[in-house]
Amino acid sequence: MLSTTINRYAYGTLQPRSDGNICVHSLDFGVSVTYDPKDKLAYDGKLDLVKAAIRKLVAAERRGFDLLLHSDAPPGSGLGASSAMMVALVGLLKEYQHLPLTDYEIADFACVIEREELGIQGGLQDQYAAAFGGFNYIEFLSDHVVVNPLKVSHDVLNELQYNLLLCYTGTMRLSGHIIQDQVDRYERQEAQTMQALRQLKVLTIEMKNALLRRQLDNFGELLHTEWQYKKTLSTRISNPELDELYETARKYGALGGKITGAGGGGYMLLYCPAERKHTVAAELKERGCTMIDVSMEPMGLQTWRMNKDA
């Protein structure tokens, strides 16, 4: 797969406590919870991501801290917010425990916690993208993952960033239902699904090559083709309202685009030649969309320590 990170972040602050309690403050959900050292941190749908990370990474004798969490992107946006928060949590707890984890191991821990420990439907791409940051071609092999950083020149990145348009469609979605439908179709070996998956793999390589060869308009057109194949993976990925928004964008100058994440709503990413971008944005605003200013972020997970007494 091909991925890049943008300037939307998951933040976390951890401060040790002396009483053994774990106090979690989630600004996004407006929730503050205190757990006693004897608590088993049972999964009950309330801050389960946090509890799973603590259970997986923090030794019982080391418990006792305040944890403050906040994200720029809301859950259900299709921007990988929950996976970015999971990576941030692993990074925080790694730092707290002095664990010598590599970026690969951090991403893998995040995947295991979300997909296996909590049984949340989804792929592995968001965790690796958040852990490594930047523009990457990521290969998911049978027994391991390889992250290949792409050496895209600064002028190409600047032009790509200038030509990309991110807009909020006005609806959130539950990705689990969409992903489960795709999994079911794959397990039934439906011909259309299998053909689409093969084509998506080929298109990913072609899009990578277009970027490296500085062929950005070709990249935009490939993005359009990719979206057409992606929609065939499940009838839930798009809907008539999203299709109408996308066709409006194409009518007024966008070369290609897609709904981010699993689909079904959230954000739409579009590639527009610079001279048409403002027209596309104006037309989508007329139809209730909100334009989002973004820039590409070359860095992945970052953690640091501060001495409050200094």
C-alpha atoms as a PDB file:
ATOM      1  CA  MET A   1       0.000   0.000   0.000  1.00  0.00           C
ATOM      2  CA  LEU A   2       0.949   3.641  -0.464  1.00  0.00           C
ATOM      3  CA  SER A   3       0.581   5.997   2.487  1.00  0.00           C
ATOM      4  CA  THR A   4       1.548   9.404   3.769  1.00  0.00           C
ATOM      5  CA  THR A   5       0.975  11.173   7.062  1.00  0.00           C
ATOM      6  CA  ILE A   6      -0.569  14.629   7.443  1.00  0.00           C
ATOM      7  CA  ASN A   7      -0.533  17.279  10.160  1.00  0.00           C
ATOM      8  CA  ARG A   8      -3.290  15.718  12.252  1.00  0.00           C
ATOM      9  CA  TYR A   9      -1.918  14.308  15.484  1.00  0.00           C
ATOM     10  CA  ALA A  10      -2.693  12.072  18.439  1.00  0.00           C
ATOM     11  CA  TYR A  11      -1.236  13.517  21.648  1.00  0.00           C
ATOM     12  CA  GLY A  12      -0.514  11.945  24.995  1.00  0.00           C
ATOM     13  CA  THR A  13       1.093  13.046  28.262  1.00  0.00           C
ATOM     14  CA  LEU A  14       2.060  10.663  31.052  1.00  0.00           C
ATOM     15  CA  GLN A  15       3.016  11.784  34.565  1.00  0.00           C
ATOM     16  CA  PRO A  16       3.924   9.200  37.246  1.00  0.00           C
ATOM     17  CA  ARG A  17       1.944   9.094  40.494  1.00  0.00           C
ATOM     18  CA  SER A  18       3.002   7.802  43.888  1.00  0.00           C
ATOM     19  CA  ASP A  19      -0.326   6.306  44.989  1.00  0.00           C
ATOM     20  CA  GLY A  20      -0.521   3.524  42.389  1.00  0.00           C
ATOM     21  CA  ASN A  21      -3.723   4.831  40.800  1.00  0.00           C
ATOM     22  CA  ILE A  22      -4.102   5.215  37.040  1.00  0.00           C
ATOM     23  CA  CYS A  23      -6.005   8.357  36.076  1.00  0.00           C
ATOM     24  CA  VAL A  24      -7.003   8.657  32.406  1.00  0.00           C
ATOM     25  CA  HIS A  25      -8.323  11.911  30.946  1.00  0.00           C
ATOM     26  CA  SER A  26      -9.684  11.758  27.389  1.00  0.00           C
ATOM     27  CA  LEU A  27     -10.365  15.249  26.049  1.00  0.00           C
ATOM     28  CA  ASP A  28     -12.022  13.872  22.888  1.00  0.00           C
ATOM     29  CA  PHE A  29     -14.656  11.887  24.775  1.00  0.00           C
ATOM     30  CA  GLY A  30     -14.875  14.239  27.770  1.00  0.00           C
ATOM     31  CA  VAL A  31     -14.128  11.336  30.108  1.00  0.00           C
ATOM     32  CA  SER A  32     -11.954  11.133  33.214  1.00  0.00           C
ATOM     33  CA  VAL A  33     -11.563   7.749  34.908  1.00  0.00           C
ATOM     34  CA  THR A  34      -9.465   6.624  37.869  1.00  0.00           C
ATOM     35  CA  TYR A  35      -8.486   2.972  38.251  1.00  0.00           C
ATOM     36  CA  ASP A  36      -7.342   1.433  41.532  1.00  0.00           C
ATOM     37  CA  PRO A  37      -4.156  -0.691  41.387  1.00  0.00           C
ATOM     38  CA  LYS A  38      -6.323  -3.726  42.161  1.00  0.00           C
ATOM     39  CA  ASP A  39      -8.613  -3.121  39.192  1.00  0.00           C
ATOM     40  CA  LYS A  40      -8.410  -5.738  36.433  1.00  0.00           C
ATOM     41  CA  LEU A  41      -9.152  -3.120  33.745  1.00  0.00           C
ATOM     42  CA  ALA A  42     -11.968  -5.173  32.234  1.00  0.00           C
ATOM     43  CA  TYR A  43     -13.076  -4.296  28.704  1.00  0.00           C
ATOM     44  CA  ASP A  44     -16.493  -2.693  28.873  1.00  0.00           C
ATOM     45  CA  GLY A  45     -16.545  -0.342  25.888  1.00  0.00           C
ATOM     46  CA  LYS A  46     -15.185   2.573  27.927  1.00  0.00           C
ATOM     47  CA  LEU A  47     -11.600   3.569  27.075  1.00  0.00           C
ATOM     48  CA  ASP A  48     -10.826  -0.022  26.064  1.00  0.00           C
ATOM     49  CA  LEU A  49      -7.919   1.069  23.843  1.00  0.00           C
ATOM     50  CA  VAL A  50      -6.231   2.620  26.854  1.00  0.00           C
ATOM     51  CA  LYS A  51      -6.927  -0.338  29.139  1.00  0.00           C
ATOM     52  CA  ALA A  52      -5.654  -2.837  26.575  1.00  0.00           C
ATOM     53  CA  ALA A  53      -2.408  -0.907  26.099  1.00  0.00           C
ATOM     54  CA  ILE A  54      -1.848  -0.731  29.861  1.00  0.00           C
ATOM     55  CA  ARG A  55      -2.589  -4.434  30.325  1.00  0.00           C
ATOM     56  CA  LYS A  56      -0.222  -5.324  27.498  1.00  0.00           C
ATOM     57  CA  LEU A  57       2.708  -3.064  28.292  1.00  0.00           C
ATOM     58  CA  VAL A  58       2.728  -1.953  31.933  1.00  0.00           C
ATOM     59  CA  ALA A  59       3.931  -4.263  34.674  1.00  0.00           C
ATOM     60  CA  ALA A  60       1.619  -4.315  37.708  1.00  0.00           C
ATOM     61  CA  GLU A  61       4.319  -3.054  40.045  1.00  0.00           C
ATOM     62  CA  ARG A  62       4.933  -0.010  37.827  1.00  0.00           C
ATOM     63  CA  ARG A  63       1.324   1.186  37.747  1.00  0.00           C
ATOM     64  CA  GLY A  64       0.526   4.646  38.952  1.00  0.00           C
ATOM     65  CA  PHE A  65       0.304   7.586  36.557  1.00  0.00           C
ATOM     66  CA  ASP A  66      -1.862  10.318  35.042  1.00  0.00           C
ATOM     67  CA  LEU A  67      -2.571   9.936  31.347  1.00  0.00           C
ATOM     68  CA  LEU A  68      -3.912  12.821  29.240  1.00  0.00           C
ATOM     69  CA  LEU A  69      -5.036  12.006  25.680  1.00  0.00           C
ATOM     70  CA  HIS A  70      -6.206  14.148  22.790  1.00  0.00           C
ATOM     71  CA  SER A  71      -6.530  13.774  18.998  1.00  0.00           C
ATOM     72  CA  ASP A  72      -6.858  16.278  16.142  1.00  0.00           C
ATOM     73  CA  ALA A  73      -9.009  13.861  14.134  1.00  0.00           C
ATOM     74  CA  PRO A  74     -12.243  12.433  15.549  1.00  0.00           C
ATOM     75  CA  PRO A  75     -12.989   8.682  15.532  1.00  0.00           C
ATOM     76  CA  GLY A  76     -14.920   7.636  12.424  1.00  0.00           C
ATOM     77  CA  SER A  77     -13.250  10.244  10.238  1.00  0.00           C
ATOM     78  CA  GLY A  78     -11.342   7.785   8.067  1.00  0.00           C
ATOM     79  CA  LEU A  79      -8.057   9.485   8.955  1.00  0.00           C
ATOM     80  CA  GLY A  80      -6.720   6.660  11.106  1.00  0.00           C
ATOM     81  CA  ALA A  81      -7.384   8.499  14.371  1.00  0.00           C
ATOM     82  CA  SER A  82      -7.857   5.468  16.614  1.00  0.00           C
ATOM     83  CA  SER A  83      -4.763   3.713  15.272  1.00  0.00           C
ATOM     84  CA  ALA A  84      -2.673   6.877  15.636  1.00  0.00           C
ATOM     85  CA  MET A  85      -3.844   7.119  19.250  1.00  0.00           C
ATOM     86  CA  MET A  86      -2.964   3.476  19.771  1.00  0.00           C
ATOM     87  CA  VAL A  87       0.557   4.108  18.461  1.00  0.00           C
ATOM     88  CA  ALA A  88       0.837   7.171  20.724  1.00  0.00           C
ATOM     89  CA  LEU A  89      -0.242   5.076  23.711  1.00  0.00           C
ATOM     90  CA  VAL A  90       2.320   2.376  22.936  1.00  0.00           C
ATOM     91  CA  GLY A  91       4.968   5.076  22.557  1.00  0.00           C
ATOM     92  CA  LEU A  92       4.077   6.666  25.885  1.00  0.00           C
ATOM     93  CA  LEU A  93       4.095   3.369  27.756  1.00  0.00           C
ATOM     94  CA  LYS A  94       7.306   2.291  26.032  1.00  0.00           C
ATOM     95  CA  GLU A  95       8.947   5.485  27.261  1.00  0.00           C
ATOM     96  CA  TYR A  96       7.515   5.039  30.767  1.00  0.00           C
ATOM     97  CA  GLN A  97       8.710   1.415  30.973  1.00  0.00           C
ATOM     98  CA  HIS A  98      12.070   2.093  29.249  1.00  0.00           C
ATOM     99  CA  LEU A  99      11.262  -0.587  26.688  1.00  0.00           C
ATOM    100  CA  PRO A 100      13.725  -0.827  23.749  1.00  0.00           C
ATOM    101  CA  LEU A 101      11.074  -1.095  21.019  1.00  0.00           C
ATOM    102  CA  THR A 102      11.772  -0.312  17.355  1.00  0.00           C
ATOM    103  CA  ASP A 103       9.259   1.473  15.099  1.00  0.00           C
ATOM    104  CA  TYR A 104       8.296  -1.924  13.653  1.00  0.00           C
ATOM    105  CA  GLU A 105       7.692  -3.352  17.125  1.00  0.00           C
ATOM    106  CA  ILE A 106       5.645  -0.329  18.186  1.00  0.00           C
ATOM    107  CA  ALA A 107       3.445  -0.646  15.095  1.00  0.00           C
ATOM    108  CA  ASP A 108       3.118  -4.397  15.648  1.00  0.00           C
ATOM    109  CA  PHE A 109       2.117  -3.919  19.305  1.00  0.00           C
ATOM    110  CA  ALA A 110      -0.524  -1.410  18.211  1.00  0.00           C
ATOM    111  CA  CYS A 111      -1.862  -3.880  15.622  1.00  0.00           C
ATOM    112  CA  VAL A 112      -1.953  -6.770  18.088  1.00  0.00           C
ATOM    113  CA  ILE A 113      -3.767  -4.706  20.719  1.00  0.00           C
ATOM    114  CA  GLU A 114      -6.403  -3.386  18.305  1.00  0.00           C
ATOM    115  CA  ARG A 115      -6.953  -6.406  16.084  1.00  0.00           C
ATOM    116  CA  GLU A 116      -6.276  -9.369  18.378  1.00  0.00           C
ATOM    117  CA  GLU A 117      -6.659  -8.206  21.979  1.00  0.00           C
ATOM    118  CA  LEU A 118      -9.760  -6.075  21.335  1.00  0.00           C
ATOM    119  CA  GLY A 119     -11.001  -7.744  18.143  1.00  0.00           C
ATOM    120  CA  ILE A 120     -11.504  -4.440  16.302  1.00  0.00           C
ATOM    121  CA  GLN A 121     -11.993  -4.973  12.571  1.00  0.00           C
ATOM    122  CA  GLY A 122      -9.491  -3.312  10.263  1.00  0.00           C
ATOM    123  CA  GLY A 123      -6.172  -3.566   8.509  1.00  0.00           C
ATOM    124  CA  LEU A 124      -2.628  -2.878   9.654  1.00  0.00           C
ATOM    125  CA  GLN A 125      -1.739   0.103   7.482  1.00  0.00           C
ATOM    126  CA  ASP A 126      -2.756   2.925   9.830  1.00  0.00           C
ATOM    127  CA  GLN A 127      -0.559   1.729  12.684  1.00  0.00           C
ATOM    128  CA  TYR A 128       2.544   1.460  10.503  1.00  0.00           C
ATOM    129  CA  ALA A 129       1.842   4.811   8.845  1.00  0.00           C
ATOM    130  CA  ALA A 130       1.545   6.542  12.234  1.00  0.00           C
ATOM    131  CA  ALA A 131       4.623   4.871  13.703  1.00  0.00           C
ATOM    132  CA  PHE A 132       6.923   5.622  10.753  1.00  0.00           C
ATOM    133  CA  GLY A 133       5.466   8.827   9.289  1.00  0.00           C
ATOM    134  CA  GLY A 134       6.235  10.306   5.882  1.00  0.00           C
ATOM    135  CA  PHE A 135       5.590   8.892   2.419  1.00  0.00           C
ATOM    136  CA  ASN A 136       5.947   5.098   2.373  1.00  0.00           C
ATOM    137  CA  TYR A 137       5.306   2.105   0.165  1.00  0.00           C
ATOM    138  CA  ILE A 138       4.351  -0.583   2.688  1.00  0.00           C
ATOM    139  CA  GLU A 139       4.479  -4.284   1.836  1.00  0.00           C
ATOM    140  CA  PHE A 140       2.369  -6.664   3.929  1.00  0.00           C
ATOM    141  CA  LEU A 141       3.935 -10.074   3.431  1.00  0.00           C
ATOM    142  CA  SER A 142       2.778 -13.396   4.860  1.00  0.00           C
ATOM    143  CA  ASP A 143       4.913 -13.232   7.996  1.00  0.00           C
ATOM    144  CA  HIS A 144       6.266  -9.678   8.201  1.00  0.00           C
ATOM    145  CA  VAL A 145       5.863  -6.073   7.081  1.00  0.00           C
ATOM    146  CA  VAL A 146       8.366  -3.985   5.125  1.00  0.00           C
ATOM    147  CA  VAL A 147       8.150  -0.178   5.184  1.00  0.00           C
ATOM    148  CA  ASN A 148       9.917   1.405   2.204  1.00  0.00           C
ATOM    149  CA  PRO A 149      10.339   5.194   2.572  1.00  0.00           C
ATOM    150  CA  LEU A 150       9.855   6.903  -0.798  1.00  0.00           C
ATOM    151  CA  LYS A 151      12.452   9.434  -1.894  1.00  0.00           C
ATOM    152  CA  VAL A 152       9.984  11.905  -3.389  1.00  0.00           C
ATOM    153  CA  SER A 153      11.652  15.237  -4.158  1.00  0.00           C
ATOM    154  CA  HIS A 154      10.583  18.309  -2.184  1.00  0.00           C
ATOM    155  CA  ASP A 155       9.227  20.114  -5.234  1.00  0.00           C
ATOM    156  CA  VAL A 156       7.026  17.131  -6.129  1.00  0.00           C
ATOM    157  CA  LEU A 157       5.766  16.908  -2.531  1.00  0.00           C
ATOM    158  CA  ASN A 158       5.047  20.644  -2.526  1.00  0.00           C
ATOM    159  CA  GLU A 159       3.135  20.410  -5.794  1.00  0.00           C
ATOM    160  CA  LEU A 160       1.226  17.336  -4.644  1.00  0.00           C
ATOM    161  CA  GLN A 161       0.297  19.011  -1.369  1.00  0.00           C
ATOM    162  CA  TYR A 162      -0.813  22.127  -3.257  1.00  0.00           C
ATOM    163  CA  ASN A 163      -3.022  20.074  -5.579  1.00  0.00           C
ATOM    164  CA  LEU A 164      -4.632  17.853  -2.955  1.00  0.00           C
ATOM    165  CA  LEU A 165      -7.947  18.869  -1.439  1.00  0.00           C
ATOM    166  CA  LEU A 166      -9.306  17.301   1.749  1.00  0.00           C
ATOM    167  CA  CYS A 167     -12.938  17.891   2.557  1.00  0.00           C
ATOM    168  CA  TYR A 168     -15.242  16.669   5.290  1.00  0.00           C
ATOM    169  CA  THR A 169     -18.400  15.214   3.753  1.00  0.00           C
ATOM    170  CA  GLY A 170     -20.525  15.896   6.812  1.00  0.00           C
ATOM    171  CA  THR A 171     -21.052  12.294   7.895  1.00  0.00           C
ATOM    172  CA  MET A 172     -19.140   9.896  10.112  1.00  0.00           C
ATOM    173  CA  ARG A 173     -19.256   6.121   9.703  1.00  0.00           C
ATOM    174  CA  LEU A 174     -18.696   2.871  11.599  1.00  0.00           C
ATOM    175  CA  SER A 175     -15.874   1.212   9.705  1.00  0.00           C
ATOM    176  CA  GLY A 176     -16.311  -2.206  11.349  1.00  0.00           C
ATOM    177  CA  HIS A 177     -19.475  -3.039   9.373  1.00  0.00           C
ATOM    178  CA  ILE A 178     -17.843  -2.005   6.091  1.00  0.00           C
ATOM    179  CA  ILE A 179     -14.690  -4.010   6.759  1.00  0.00           C
ATOM    180  CA  GLN A 180     -16.639  -7.092   7.854  1.00  0.00           C
ATOM    181  CA  ASP A 181     -18.610  -7.006   4.602  1.00  0.00           C
ATOM    182  CA  GLN A 182     -15.337  -6.939   2.644  1.00  0.00           C
ATOM    183  CA  VAL A 183     -13.923  -9.805   4.721  1.00  0.00           C
ATOM    184  CA  ASP A 184     -17.059 -11.878   4.121  1.00  0.00           C
ATOM    185  CA  ARG A 185     -16.826 -11.323   0.374  1.00  0.00           C
ATOM    186  CA  TYR A 186     -13.139 -12.253   0.403  1.00  0.00           C
ATOM    187  CA  GLU A 187     -13.768 -15.430   2.390  1.00  0.00           C
ATOM    188  CA  ARG A 188     -16.470 -16.400  -0.126  1.00  0.00           C
ATOM    189  CA  GLN A 189     -13.875 -15.750  -2.863  1.00  0.00           C
ATOM    190  CA  GLU A 190     -16.344 -13.606  -4.804  1.00  0.00           C
ATOM    191  CA  ALA A 191     -14.977 -13.089  -8.303  1.00  0.00           C
ATOM    192  CA  GLN A 192     -15.555  -9.319  -8.343  1.00  0.00           C
ATOM    193  CA  THR A 193     -13.843  -8.845  -4.980  1.00  0.00           C
ATOM    194  CA  MET A 194     -10.827 -10.973  -5.903  1.00  0.00           C
ATOM    195  CA  GLN A 195     -10.408  -9.168  -9.238  1.00  0.00           C
ATOM    196  CA  ALA A 196     -10.652  -5.779  -7.518  1.00  0.00           C
ATOM    197  CA  LEU A 197      -8.015  -6.730  -4.941  1.00  0.00           C
ATOM    198  CA  ARG A 198      -5.633  -7.814  -7.686  1.00  0.00           C
ATOM    199  CA  GLN A 199      -6.183  -4.572  -9.582  1.00  0.00           C
ATOM    200  CA  LEU A 200      -5.706  -2.462  -6.439  1.00  0.00           C
ATOM    201  CA  LYS A 201      -2.317  -4.078  -5.858  1.00  0.00           C
ATOM    202  CA  VAL A 202      -1.255  -3.239  -9.429  1.00  0.00           C
ATOM    203  CA  LEU A 203      -2.571   0.323  -9.135  1.00  0.00           C
ATOM    204  CA  THR A 204      -0.647   0.905  -5.904  1.00  0.00           C
ATOM    205  CA  ILE A 205       2.611   0.141  -7.694  1.00  0.00           C
ATOM    206  CA  GLU A 206       1.630   2.366 -10.625  1.00  0.00           C
ATOM    207  CA  MET A 207       0.793   5.248  -8.279  1.00  0.00           C
ATOM    208  CA  LYS A 208       4.135   4.845  -6.496  1.00  0.00           C
ATOM    209  CA  ASN A 209       5.939   4.948  -9.831  1.00  0.00           C
ATOM    210  CA  ALA A 210       3.977   8.010 -10.967  1.00  0.00           C
ATOM    211  CA  LEU A 211       5.110   9.883  -7.858  1.00  0.00           C
ATOM    212  CA  LEU A 212       8.747   8.900  -8.286  1.00  0.00           C
ATOM    213  CA  ARG A 213       8.621   9.862 -11.976  1.00  0.00           C
ATOM    214  CA  ARG A 214       7.058  13.258 -11.182  1.00  0.00           C
ATOM    215  CA  GLN A 215       3.876  12.422 -13.118  1.00  0.00           C
ATOM    216  CA  LEU A 216       1.359  13.997 -10.759  1.00  0.00           C
ATOM    217  CA  ASP A 217      -1.587  14.307 -13.151  1.00  0.00           C
ATOM    218  CA  ASN A 218      -1.151  10.612 -13.909  1.00  0.00           C
ATOM    219  CA  PHE A 219      -1.160  10.008 -10.146  1.00  0.00           C
ATOM    220  CA  GLY A 220      -4.488  11.849  -9.900  1.00  0.00           C
ATOM    221  CA  GLU A 221      -6.021   9.793 -12.694  1.00  0.00           C
ATOM    222  CA  LEU A 222      -4.801   6.571 -11.088  1.00  0.00           C
ATOM    223  CA  LEU A 223      -6.407   7.710  -7.842  1.00  0.00           C
ATOM    224  CA  HIS A 224      -9.714   7.874  -9.713  1.00  0.00           C
ATOM    225  CA  THR A 225      -9.255   4.355 -11.105  1.00  0.00           C
ATOM    226  CA  GLU A 226      -8.325   3.071  -7.653  1.00  0.00           C
ATOM    227  CA  TRP A 227     -11.535   4.500  -6.182  1.00  0.00           C
ATOM    228  CA  GLN A 228     -13.653   2.778  -8.830  1.00  0.00           C
ATOM    229  CA  TYR A 229     -12.143  -0.598  -7.951  1.00  0.00           C
ATOM    230  CA  LYS A 230     -12.299   0.029  -4.214  1.00  0.00           C
ATOM    231  CA  LYS A 231     -16.045   0.676  -4.403  1.00  0.00           C
ATOM    232  CA  THR A 232     -16.589  -2.809  -5.825  1.00  0.00           C
ATOM    233  CA  LEU A 233     -15.186  -4.404  -2.649  1.00  0.00           C
ATOM    234  CA  SER A 234     -18.414  -3.618  -0.764  1.00  0.00           C
ATOM    235  CA  THR A 235     -21.684  -1.862  -1.476  1.00  0.00           C
ATOM    236  CA  ARG A 236     -21.207  -0.034   1.840  1.00  0.00           C
ATOM    237  CA  ILE A 237     -18.017   1.792   0.841  1.00  0.00           C
ATOM    238  CA  SER A 238     -19.946   4.494  -0.972  1.00  0.00           C
ATOM    239  CA  ASN A 239     -23.559   5.644  -1.309  1.00  0.00           C
ATOM    240  CA  PRO A 240     -25.562   7.876  -3.685  1.00  0.00           C
ATOM    241  CA  GLU A 241     -24.771  11.043  -1.689  1.00  0.00           C
ATOM    242  CA  LEU A 242     -21.024  10.394  -1.687  1.00  0.00           C
ATOM    243  CA  ASP A 243     -21.105   9.415  -5.358  1.00  0.00           C
ATOM    244  CA  GLU A 244     -22.845  12.698  -6.185  1.00  0.00           C
ATOM    245  CA  LEU A 245     -20.217  14.717  -4.276  1.00  0.00           C
ATOM    246  CA  TYR A 246     -17.424  12.869  -6.030  1.00  0.00           C
ATOM    247  CA  GLU A 247     -18.966  13.329  -9.479  1.00  0.00           C
ATOM    248  CA  THR A 248     -19.415  17.036  -8.742  1.00  0.00           C
ATOM    249  CA  ALA A 249     -15.716  17.292  -7.915  1.00  0.00           C
ATOM    250  CA  ARG A 250     -14.838  15.493 -11.151  1.00  0.00           C
ATOM    251  CA  LYS A 251     -17.178  17.675 -13.173  1.00  0.00           C
ATOM    252  CA  TYR A 252     -15.484  20.848 -11.973  1.00  0.00           C
ATOM    253  CA  GLY A 253     -11.905  19.691 -12.417  1.00  0.00           C
ATOM    254  CA  ALA A 254     -10.749  17.017  -9.979  1.00  0.00           C
ATOM    255  CA  LEU A 255      -8.804  14.287 -11.763  1.00  0.00           C
ATOM    256  CA  GLY A 256      -9.364  11.706  -9.063  1.00  0.00           C
ATOM    257  CA  GLY A 257     -10.057  11.072  -5.425  1.00  0.00           C
ATOM    258  CA  LYS A 258     -11.418   8.692  -2.822  1.00  0.00           C
ATOM    259  CA  ILE A 259     -13.141   8.474   0.527  1.00  0.00           C
ATOM    260  CA  THR A 260     -10.410   7.992   3.127  1.00  0.00           C
ATOM    261  CA  GLY A 261     -10.272   4.958   5.370  1.00  0.00           C
ATOM    262  CA  ALA A 262     -12.840   2.200   5.011  1.00  0.00           C
ATOM    263  CA  GLY A 263     -15.321   4.487   3.256  1.00  0.00           C
ATOM    264  CA  GLY A 264     -18.968   5.152   3.981  1.00  0.00           C
ATOM    265  CA  GLY A 265     -18.416   8.787   4.982  1.00  0.00           C
ATOM    266  CA  GLY A 266     -15.872  10.930   6.757  1.00  0.00           C
ATOM    267  CA  TYR A 267     -13.335  12.711   4.578  1.00  0.00           C
ATOM    268  CA  MET A 268     -12.892  12.838   0.814  1.00  0.00           C
ATOM    269  CA  LEU A 269      -9.413  13.323  -0.633  1.00  0.00           C
ATOM    270  CA  LEU A 270      -9.235  14.841  -4.120  1.00  0.00           C
ATOM    271  CA  TYR A 271      -6.447  15.592  -6.571  1.00  0.00           C
ATOM    272  CA  CYS A 272      -7.121  18.816  -8.490  1.00  0.00           C
ATOM    273  CA  PRO A 273      -4.821  20.692 -10.870  1.00  0.00           C
ATOM    274  CA  ALA A 274      -3.984  23.976  -9.125  1.00  0.00           C
ATOM    275  CA  GLU A 275      -5.985  26.145 -11.541  1.00  0.00           C
ATOM    276  CA  ARG A 276      -9.184  24.164 -10.816  1.00  0.00           C
ATOM    277  CA  LYS A 277      -8.803  23.487  -7.112  1.00  0.00           C
ATOM    278  CA  HIS A 278     -10.611  26.653  -5.936  1.00  0.00           C
ATOM    279  CA  THR A 279     -13.563  25.921  -8.240  1.00  0.00           C
ATOM    280  CA  VAL A 280     -13.900  22.361  -6.955  1.00  0.00           C
ATOM    281  CA  ALA A 281     -13.710  23.604  -3.353  1.00  0.00           C
ATOM    282  CA  ALA A 282     -16.396  26.242  -3.968  1.00  0.00           C
ATOM    283  CA  GLU A 283     -18.791  23.716  -5.516  1.00  0.00           C
ATOM    284  CA  LEU A 284     -18.349  21.248  -2.684  1.00  0.00           C
ATOM    285  CA  LYS A 285     -18.884  23.980  -0.093  1.00  0.00           C
ATOM    286  CA  GLU A 286     -22.168  24.771  -1.814  1.00  0.00           C
ATOM    287  CA  ARG A 287     -23.171  21.168  -1.167  1.00  0.00           C
ATOM    288  CA  GLY A 288     -22.356  21.262   2.552  1.00  0.00           C
ATOM    289  CA  CYS A 289     -18.770  20.035   2.624  1.00  0.00           C
ATOM    290  CA  THR A 290     -16.058  21.634   4.746  1.00  0.00           C
ATOM    291  CA  MET A 291     -12.591  22.166   3.319  1.00  0.00           C
ATOM    292  CA  ILE A 292      -9.708  21.127   5.590  1.00  0.00           C
ATOM    293  CA  ASP A 293      -6.257  22.705   5.363  1.00  0.00           C
ATOM    294  CA  VAL A 294      -3.578  20.042   5.625  1.00  0.00           C
ATOM    295  CA  SER A 295       0.119  19.633   5.033  1.00  0.00           C
ATOM    296  CA  MET A 296       2.227  16.507   4.834  1.00  0.00           C
ATOM    297  CA  GLU A 297       4.047  15.437   7.977  1.00  0.00           C
ATOM    298  CA  PRO A 298       7.409  13.695   7.472  1.00  0.00           C
ATOM    299  CA  MET A 299       7.751  12.512  11.079  1.00  0.00           C
ATOM    300  CA  GLY A 300       6.122   9.513  12.725  1.00  0.00           C
ATOM    301  CA  LEU A 301       5.851   8.759  16.439  1.00  0.00           C
ATOM    302  CA  GLN A 302       7.882  11.088  18.654  1.00  0.00           C
ATOM    303  CA  THR A 303       8.314  10.765  22.413  1.00  0.00           C
ATOM    304  CA  TRP A 304      10.353  12.839  24.856  1.00  0.00           C
ATOM    305  CA  ARG A 305      10.853  13.349  28.598  1.00  0.00           C
ATOM    306  CA  MET A 306      10.620  16.605  30.531  1.00  0.00           C
ATOM    307  CA  ASN A 307      11.712  17.365  34.085  1.00  0.00           C
ATOM    308  CA  LYS A 308       9.010  19.560  35.620  1.00  0.00           C
ATOM    309  CA  ASP A 309      11.418  20.849  38.258  1.00  0.00           C
ATOM    310  CA  ALA A 310      13.953  22.062  35.717  1.00  0.00           C
END
